[in-house]
Amino acid sequence: MHCDGQVLVMHDLLGINTEFKPRFLRQYLNLYEQIVGAVKHYVNDVKAKDFPNDKEQY
């Protein structure tokens, strides 16, 4: 059996998936940490009643 190519999954390439790291993968970004950080920032802003503010409402 021969292999003429491989599939790179975008979630692996961009670092969204943290559990599967094959040796043939070159990860170009760590979006997982950025996503987690953004969600934590959002939660903190909501809890602090800083979001939404007057400019972000209708």
Protein backbone atom coordinates (compact mmCIF):
# COMPACT_ATOMS: atom_id res chain seq x y z
CA MET A 1 0.00 0.00 0.00
CA HIS A 2 1.28 3.46 -0.91
CA CYS A 3 0.31 6.93 0.18
CA ASP A 4 0.41 9.78 -2.34
CA GLY A 5 -0.60 12.53 0.07
CA GLN A 6 -1.79 13.41 3.52
CA VAL A 7 -4.64 15.38 5.01
CA LEU A 8 -3.92 18.29 7.32
CA VAL A 9 -6.93 19.26 9.39
CA MET A 10 -7.28 23.03 9.88
CA HIS A 11 -7.98 22.58 13.61
CA ASP A 12 -4.64 20.82 13.99
CA LEU A 13 -2.75 23.27 11.77
CA LEU A 14 -4.12 26.28 13.67
CA GLY A 15 -3.68 24.79 17.14
CA ILE A 16 -7.35 24.55 18.08
CA ASN A 17 -7.05 20.86 18.86
CA THR A 18 -4.69 20.33 21.81
CA GLU A 19 -5.08 16.58 22.25
CA PHE A 20 -3.75 15.28 18.93
CA LYS A 21 -0.26 16.27 17.79
CA PRO A 22 1.06 13.99 15.07
CA ARG A 23 4.74 14.31 14.26
CA PHE A 24 3.99 15.14 10.61
CA LEU A 25 2.03 18.23 11.62
CA ARG A 26 3.55 21.68 11.65
CA GLN A 27 1.41 23.87 13.88
CA TYR A 28 1.46 27.46 12.66
CA LEU A 29 -0.63 29.07 15.38
CA ASN A 30 -1.93 28.35 18.88
CA LEU A 31 -5.53 29.47 18.56
CA TYR A 32 -6.59 27.37 21.54
CA GLU A 33 -4.84 29.70 24.00
CA GLN A 34 -6.16 32.79 22.23
CA ILE A 35 -9.73 31.46 22.20
CA VAL A 36 -9.61 30.52 25.89
CA GLY A 37 -8.15 33.92 26.76
CA ALA A 38 -10.81 35.77 24.76
CA VAL A 39 -13.66 33.82 26.39
CA LYS A 40 -12.23 34.45 29.87
CA HIS A 41 -11.94 38.17 29.08
CA TYR A 42 -15.56 38.22 27.88
CA VAL A 43 -16.79 36.42 31.02
CA ASN A 44 -14.88 38.83 33.25
CA ASP A 45 -16.33 41.85 31.41
CA VAL A 46 -19.89 40.50 31.75
CA LYS A 47 -19.43 39.71 35.44
CA ALA A 48 -17.98 43.18 36.05
CA LYS A 49 -21.01 44.65 34.20
CA ASP A 50 -18.60 46.29 31.77
CA PHE A 51 -20.15 44.53 28.77
CA PRO A 52 -22.36 45.55 27.17
CA ASN A 53 -21.87 49.22 27.84
CA ASP A 54 -24.07 52.10 26.62
CA LYS A 55 -22.29 52.32 23.25
CA GLU A 56 -22.84 48.60 22.62
CA GLN A 57 -26.60 48.63 23.11
CA TYR A 58 -29.63 49.82 21.16
